[in-house]
Amino acid sequence: MPQLNPSPWFAILVFSWLVFLTILPPKVMAHTYPNDPDPQTSEKSKTDPWNWPWY
């Protein structure tokens, strides 16, 4: 049965993993988000109490 011959499929598997592990990670790690959150300040923000009447 020719479909059981591993030589072409093993080469395709090795080459595809070579591409995944050498080319794609640097491209993914170089991605930057356009709106990175600012680091939180150490001082607490002043919150106003809820002063609406309850009905």
Protein backbone atom coordinates (compact mmCIF):
# COMPACT_ATOMS: atom_id res chain seq x y z
CA MET A 1 0.00 0.00 0.00
CA PRO A 2 1.66 3.25 -1.07
CA GLN A 3 -0.14 5.40 1.51
CA LEU A 4 1.84 3.66 4.26
CA ASN A 5 5.18 4.87 2.89
CA PRO A 6 6.28 7.43 5.53
CA SER A 7 9.07 9.13 3.59
CA PRO A 8 7.13 11.95 1.83
CA TRP A 9 4.74 12.56 4.74
CA PHE A 10 7.48 12.59 7.34
CA ALA A 11 9.43 15.17 5.33
CA ILE A 12 6.29 17.33 5.04
CA LEU A 13 5.70 17.00 8.78
CA VAL A 14 9.28 17.95 9.67
CA PHE A 15 9.33 20.87 7.26
CA SER A 16 5.99 22.23 8.49
CA TRP A 17 7.16 22.07 12.13
CA LEU A 18 10.41 23.74 11.10
CA VAL A 19 8.38 26.59 9.63
CA PHE A 20 6.14 26.81 12.68
CA LEU A 21 9.02 26.83 15.17
CA THR A 22 11.46 29.14 13.37
CA ILE A 23 9.46 31.65 11.32
CA LEU A 24 6.17 32.18 13.12
CA PRO A 25 7.20 32.76 16.80
CA PRO A 26 9.32 35.86 16.11
CA LYS A 27 6.48 37.32 14.04
CA VAL A 28 3.96 36.64 16.80
CA MET A 29 6.22 37.95 19.57
CA ALA A 30 6.94 41.15 17.61
CA HIS A 31 3.24 42.02 17.61
CA THR A 32 2.41 45.07 19.71
CA TYR A 33 -1.00 46.18 20.82
CA PRO A 34 -1.96 49.74 19.82
CA ASN A 35 -3.47 50.59 23.22
CA ASP A 36 -1.38 49.02 25.95
CA PRO A 37 -2.78 49.83 29.39
CA ASP A 38 -0.84 52.28 31.52
CA PRO A 39 0.64 50.94 34.75
CA GLN A 40 -1.50 51.63 37.79
CA THR A 41 -0.44 54.47 40.04
CA SER A 42 0.19 53.76 43.71
CA GLU A 43 -2.25 56.42 44.94
CA LYS A 44 -5.90 55.53 45.29
CA SER A 45 -8.42 57.45 43.28
CA LYS A 46 -11.06 59.37 45.25
CA THR A 47 -14.48 57.82 44.91
CA ASP A 48 -17.65 59.74 45.66
CA PRO A 49 -20.42 58.00 47.61
CA TRP A 50 -23.65 57.09 45.90
CA ASN A 51 -26.02 59.87 46.95
CA TRP A 52 -29.12 59.10 44.91
CA PRO A 53 -32.28 58.58 46.95
CA TRP A 54 -33.76 55.10 47.09
CA TYR A 55 -37.45 54.82 46.29
